[in-house]
Amino acid sequence: MTRTRSARRTAGRTLLASALLAAAVAVPATATAAPREAAAGATVTDETATQESRLVDDFYSAYIDAVAAEDGGDLATALRGFYLTPELRDRLAGWETSNHADGVLLAQDVPADHLVTPGHSGAGHTWSTVRLTWGSPQDPTYTYLTVRSDLATGKISAIRDDA
């Protein structure tokens, strides 16, 4: 699944991300719904997708748009503050200093698209696989990340390269 980006879509996602950040301030963490179990191999558009995998998809959608935009740096920082745990933000800062790349994408460039697939849950966490699409729709290449979310908070607590 390859999505083409447009200014309208980017603006819409930017507005969505801003609305989510504003709503997060008004909604207490205890008001979130209990997560559901996900079927193996389900994508986030399926009814079986977990709440956490949908949040991972929302985050990557908005984050990719923010880092691709000329003036999206403040939004990207705000998205990290909302979706990522403080511990992960600290680890990413160290990784980014050492690698001179974006720690959320584990790359120096911005992907053309992404796809999130829910994984398994256990020990208070759930895992999602994020497939980043690079290049053109005619000749795509992919990298894969494993993203861990905390079930109690829904926040992303780890990102690792699945190479």
C-alpha atoms as a PDB file:
ATOM      1  CA  MET A   1       0.000   0.000   0.000  1.00  0.00           C
ATOM      2  CA  THR A   2       1.653   3.187  -1.157  1.00  0.00           C
ATOM      3  CA  ARG A   3       0.128   6.529  -0.406  1.00  0.00           C
ATOM      4  CA  THR A   4       0.856   9.658  -2.354  1.00  0.00           C
ATOM      5  CA  ARG A   5       1.352  12.797  -0.353  1.00  0.00           C
ATOM      6  CA  SER A   6      -0.415  16.016  -1.158  1.00  0.00           C
ATOM      7  CA  ALA A   7      -0.449  19.413   0.445  1.00  0.00           C
ATOM      8  CA  ARG A   8      -4.107  18.907   1.348  1.00  0.00           C
ATOM      9  CA  ARG A   9      -3.438  15.581   3.059  1.00  0.00           C
ATOM     10  CA  THR A  10      -0.402  16.978   4.892  1.00  0.00           C
ATOM     11  CA  ALA A  11      -2.427  19.948   6.096  1.00  0.00           C
ATOM     12  CA  GLY A  12      -5.218  17.621   7.200  1.00  0.00           C
ATOM     13  CA  ARG A  13      -2.842  15.421   9.176  1.00  0.00           C
ATOM     14  CA  THR A  14      -1.178  18.455  10.698  1.00  0.00           C
ATOM     15  CA  LEU A  15      -4.586  19.698  11.839  1.00  0.00           C
ATOM     16  CA  LEU A  16      -5.445  16.217  13.138  1.00  0.00           C
ATOM     17  CA  ALA A  17      -2.186  16.028  15.076  1.00  0.00           C
ATOM     18  CA  SER A  18      -2.790  19.480  16.557  1.00  0.00           C
ATOM     19  CA  ALA A  19      -6.322  18.483  17.559  1.00  0.00           C
ATOM     20  CA  LEU A  20      -5.041  15.259  19.138  1.00  0.00           C
ATOM     21  CA  LEU A  21      -2.470  17.173  21.144  1.00  0.00           C
ATOM     22  CA  ALA A  22      -5.113  19.657  22.298  1.00  0.00           C
ATOM     23  CA  ALA A  23      -7.524  16.863  23.211  1.00  0.00           C
ATOM     24  CA  ALA A  24      -4.817  15.013  25.127  1.00  0.00           C
ATOM     25  CA  VAL A  25      -4.509  17.902  27.536  1.00  0.00           C
ATOM     26  CA  ALA A  26      -8.240  17.780  28.284  1.00  0.00           C
ATOM     27  CA  VAL A  27      -8.663  13.987  28.547  1.00  0.00           C
ATOM     28  CA  PRO A  28      -7.166  12.177  31.557  1.00  0.00           C
ATOM     29  CA  ALA A  29      -5.175   9.001  30.898  1.00  0.00           C
ATOM     30  CA  THR A  30      -7.717   6.890  32.802  1.00  0.00           C
ATOM     31  CA  ALA A  31     -10.383   7.689  30.211  1.00  0.00           C
ATOM     32  CA  THR A  32      -8.782   5.536  27.510  1.00  0.00           C
ATOM     33  CA  ALA A  33     -10.575   2.374  26.458  1.00  0.00           C
ATOM     34  CA  ALA A  34      -9.211  -1.043  27.336  1.00  0.00           C
ATOM     35  CA  PRO A  35      -7.115  -2.503  24.484  1.00  0.00           C
ATOM     36  CA  ARG A  36      -8.394  -5.446  22.469  1.00  0.00           C
ATOM     37  CA  GLU A  37      -6.403  -8.476  21.387  1.00  0.00           C
ATOM     38  CA  ALA A  38      -5.166  -8.341  17.786  1.00  0.00           C
ATOM     39  CA  ALA A  39      -5.202 -11.184  15.308  1.00  0.00           C
ATOM     40  CA  ALA A  40      -1.784 -12.077  13.907  1.00  0.00           C
ATOM     41  CA  GLY A  41      -1.054 -10.256  10.672  1.00  0.00           C
ATOM     42  CA  ALA A  42      -3.871  -7.711  11.009  1.00  0.00           C
ATOM     43  CA  THR A  43      -3.249  -4.202   9.762  1.00  0.00           C
ATOM     44  CA  VAL A  44      -4.319  -1.129  11.663  1.00  0.00           C
ATOM     45  CA  THR A  45      -7.249  -0.624   9.332  1.00  0.00           C
ATOM     46  CA  ASP A  46      -8.753  -3.954  10.399  1.00  0.00           C
ATOM     47  CA  GLU A  47     -11.313  -4.126  13.185  1.00  0.00           C
ATOM     48  CA  THR A  48      -8.951  -6.379  15.146  1.00  0.00           C
ATOM     49  CA  ALA A  49      -6.197  -3.772  15.403  1.00  0.00           C
ATOM     50  CA  THR A  50      -5.298  -2.801  18.940  1.00  0.00           C
ATOM     51  CA  GLN A  51      -5.736   0.681  20.296  1.00  0.00           C
ATOM     52  CA  GLU A  52      -1.964   0.892  20.721  1.00  0.00           C
ATOM     53  CA  SER A  53      -1.256  -0.080  17.085  1.00  0.00           C
ATOM     54  CA  ARG A  54      -3.707   2.591  15.959  1.00  0.00           C
ATOM     55  CA  LEU A  55      -1.828   5.104  18.118  1.00  0.00           C
ATOM     56  CA  VAL A  56       1.464   3.973  16.546  1.00  0.00           C
ATOM     57  CA  ASP A  57      -0.091   4.482  13.105  1.00  0.00           C
ATOM     58  CA  ASP A  58      -1.451   7.902  14.086  1.00  0.00           C
ATOM     59  CA  PHE A  59       1.962   8.887  15.430  1.00  0.00           C
ATOM     60  CA  TYR A  60       3.932   7.765  12.370  1.00  0.00           C
ATOM     61  CA  SER A  61       1.399   9.358   9.974  1.00  0.00           C
ATOM     62  CA  ALA A  62       1.623  12.731  11.680  1.00  0.00           C
ATOM     63  CA  TYR A  63       5.355  12.484  12.439  1.00  0.00           C
ATOM     64  CA  ILE A  64       6.351  11.682   8.843  1.00  0.00           C
ATOM     65  CA  ASP A  65       4.249  14.596   7.617  1.00  0.00           C
ATOM     66  CA  ALA A  66       5.770  16.908  10.238  1.00  0.00           C
ATOM     67  CA  VAL A  67       9.404  16.056   9.477  1.00  0.00           C
ATOM     68  CA  ALA A  68       8.717  16.307   5.731  1.00  0.00           C
ATOM     69  CA  ALA A  69       7.285  19.815   6.094  1.00  0.00           C
ATOM     70  CA  GLU A  70       9.644  22.786   5.957  1.00  0.00           C
ATOM     71  CA  ASP A  71       8.302  24.251   9.184  1.00  0.00           C
ATOM     72  CA  GLY A  72       7.310  21.003  10.927  1.00  0.00           C
ATOM     73  CA  GLY A  73      10.088  20.873  13.525  1.00  0.00           C
ATOM     74  CA  ASP A  74       7.964  22.202  16.384  1.00  0.00           C
ATOM     75  CA  LEU A  75       5.124  19.820  15.540  1.00  0.00           C
ATOM     76  CA  ALA A  76       7.519  16.853  15.343  1.00  0.00           C
ATOM     77  CA  THR A  77       8.856  17.760  18.790  1.00  0.00           C
ATOM     78  CA  ALA A  78       5.322  18.108  20.184  1.00  0.00           C
ATOM     79  CA  LEU A  79       4.340  14.740  18.704  1.00  0.00           C
ATOM     80  CA  ARG A  80       7.350  13.112  20.345  1.00  0.00           C
ATOM     81  CA  GLY A  81       6.363  14.710  23.643  1.00  0.00           C
ATOM     82  CA  PHE A  82       2.824  13.363  23.429  1.00  0.00           C
ATOM     83  CA  TYR A  83       3.361   9.862  21.993  1.00  0.00           C
ATOM     84  CA  LEU A  84       6.781   8.815  23.375  1.00  0.00           C
ATOM     85  CA  THR A  85       7.774   8.046  26.950  1.00  0.00           C
ATOM     86  CA  PRO A  86      10.330  10.412  28.520  1.00  0.00           C
ATOM     87  CA  GLU A  87      12.821   7.539  28.764  1.00  0.00           C
ATOM     88  CA  LEU A  88      12.531   6.810  25.040  1.00  0.00           C
ATOM     89  CA  ARG A  89      12.927  10.491  24.174  1.00  0.00           C
ATOM     90  CA  ASP A  90      16.160  10.533  26.194  1.00  0.00           C
ATOM     91  CA  ARG A  91      17.471   7.351  24.497  1.00  0.00           C
ATOM     92  CA  LEU A  92      16.594   8.730  21.061  1.00  0.00           C
ATOM     93  CA  ALA A  93      18.434  11.983  21.779  1.00  0.00           C
ATOM     94  CA  GLY A  94      21.613  10.021  22.534  1.00  0.00           C
ATOM     95  CA  TRP A  95      21.185   7.805  19.475  1.00  0.00           C
ATOM     96  CA  GLU A  96      20.574  10.830  17.246  1.00  0.00           C
ATOM     97  CA  THR A  97      23.729  12.548  18.502  1.00  0.00           C
ATOM     98  CA  SER A  98      25.801   9.453  17.763  1.00  0.00           C
ATOM     99  CA  ASN A  99      24.214   8.603  14.406  1.00  0.00           C
ATOM    100  CA  HIS A 100      23.282  12.042  12.998  1.00  0.00           C
ATOM    101  CA  ALA A 101      19.877  10.684  11.994  1.00  0.00           C
ATOM    102  CA  ASP A 102      16.256  10.746  13.153  1.00  0.00           C
ATOM    103  CA  GLY A 103      15.772   8.227  15.959  1.00  0.00           C
ATOM    104  CA  VAL A 104      12.054   7.717  15.336  1.00  0.00           C
ATOM    105  CA  LEU A 105      12.666   6.749  11.703  1.00  0.00           C
ATOM    106  CA  LEU A 106      16.190   5.395  12.302  1.00  0.00           C
ATOM    107  CA  ALA A 107      17.160   7.196   9.100  1.00  0.00           C
ATOM    108  CA  GLN A 108      18.481  10.478   7.751  1.00  0.00           C
ATOM    109  CA  ASP A 109      15.737  10.845   5.154  1.00  0.00           C
ATOM    110  CA  VAL A 110      11.937  10.877   5.299  1.00  0.00           C
ATOM    111  CA  PRO A 111      10.067   7.810   4.015  1.00  0.00           C
ATOM    112  CA  ALA A 112       7.394   8.088   1.349  1.00  0.00           C
ATOM    113  CA  ASP A 113       4.925   5.978   3.327  1.00  0.00           C
ATOM    114  CA  HIS A 114       4.462   3.596   6.218  1.00  0.00           C
ATOM    115  CA  LEU A 115       2.312   0.634   7.232  1.00  0.00           C
ATOM    116  CA  VAL A 116       1.700  -0.532  10.808  1.00  0.00           C
ATOM    117  CA  THR A 117       0.905  -4.145  11.649  1.00  0.00           C
ATOM    118  CA  PRO A 118      -0.084  -5.073  15.221  1.00  0.00           C
ATOM    119  CA  GLY A 119       1.884  -7.786  16.937  1.00  0.00           C
ATOM    120  CA  HIS A 120       1.624  -9.686  20.175  1.00  0.00           C
ATOM    121  CA  SER A 121       1.216  -8.416  23.722  1.00  0.00           C
ATOM    122  CA  GLY A 122       2.693  -9.516  27.015  1.00  0.00           C
ATOM    123  CA  ALA A 123       4.255  -8.272  30.239  1.00  0.00           C
ATOM    124  CA  GLY A 124       2.420  -4.951  30.027  1.00  0.00           C
ATOM    125  CA  HIS A 125       3.561  -4.155  26.485  1.00  0.00           C
ATOM    126  CA  THR A 126       2.381  -4.639  22.932  1.00  0.00           C
ATOM    127  CA  TRP A 127       4.509  -4.677  19.802  1.00  0.00           C
ATOM    128  CA  SER A 128       3.785  -3.326  16.338  1.00  0.00           C
ATOM    129  CA  THR A 129       5.785  -3.646  13.148  1.00  0.00           C
ATOM    130  CA  VAL A 130       6.229  -0.447  11.179  1.00  0.00           C
ATOM    131  CA  ARG A 131       7.161  -0.874   7.520  1.00  0.00           C
ATOM    132  CA  LEU A 132       8.706   2.308   6.109  1.00  0.00           C
ATOM    133  CA  THR A 133       8.518   2.691   2.340  1.00  0.00           C
ATOM    134  CA  TRP A 134      11.381   4.436   0.574  1.00  0.00           C
ATOM    135  CA  GLY A 135      11.805   5.444  -3.038  1.00  0.00           C
ATOM    136  CA  SER A 136       9.194   5.706  -5.740  1.00  0.00           C
ATOM    137  CA  PRO A 137       5.957   3.725  -6.053  1.00  0.00           C
ATOM    138  CA  GLN A 138       7.451   2.014  -9.113  1.00  0.00           C
ATOM    139  CA  ASP A 139      10.614   0.929  -7.282  1.00  0.00           C
ATOM    140  CA  PRO A 140       9.956   0.866  -3.522  1.00  0.00           C
ATOM    141  CA  THR A 141      12.325  -0.409  -0.870  1.00  0.00           C
ATOM    142  CA  TYR A 142      11.334  -1.147   2.704  1.00  0.00           C
ATOM    143  CA  THR A 143      12.801  -1.025   6.178  1.00  0.00           C
ATOM    144  CA  TYR A 144      11.100  -2.465   9.230  1.00  0.00           C
ATOM    145  CA  LEU A 145      10.942  -1.198  12.803  1.00  0.00           C
ATOM    146  CA  THR A 146       9.609  -2.912  15.885  1.00  0.00           C
ATOM    147  CA  VAL A 147       7.756  -0.454  18.101  1.00  0.00           C
ATOM    148  CA  ARG A 148       6.841  -1.281  21.711  1.00  0.00           C
ATOM    149  CA  SER A 149       3.926   0.459  23.402  1.00  0.00           C
ATOM    150  CA  ASP A 150       3.051   0.358  27.092  1.00  0.00           C
ATOM    151  CA  LEU A 151      -0.428  -1.056  27.663  1.00  0.00           C
ATOM    152  CA  ALA A 152      -1.012   1.083  30.758  1.00  0.00           C
ATOM    153  CA  THR A 153      -0.298   4.414  29.046  1.00  0.00           C
ATOM    154  CA  GLY A 154      -0.470   3.660  25.319  1.00  0.00           C
ATOM    155  CA  LYS A 155       2.811   5.558  24.906  1.00  0.00           C
ATOM    156  CA  ILE A 156       5.601   4.284  22.686  1.00  0.00           C
ATOM    157  CA  SER A 157       8.441   3.065  24.885  1.00  0.00           C
ATOM    158  CA  ALA A 158      10.910   1.518  22.426  1.00  0.00           C
ATOM    159  CA  ILE A 159      11.817   1.629  18.741  1.00  0.00           C
ATOM    160  CA  ARG A 160      14.299  -0.795  17.228  1.00  0.00           C
ATOM    161  CA  ASP A 161      15.513  -1.676  13.767  1.00  0.00           C
ATOM    162  CA  ASP A 162      14.167  -5.006  12.602  1.00  0.00           C
ATOM    163  CA  ALA A 163      16.963  -5.653  10.091  1.00  0.00           C
END
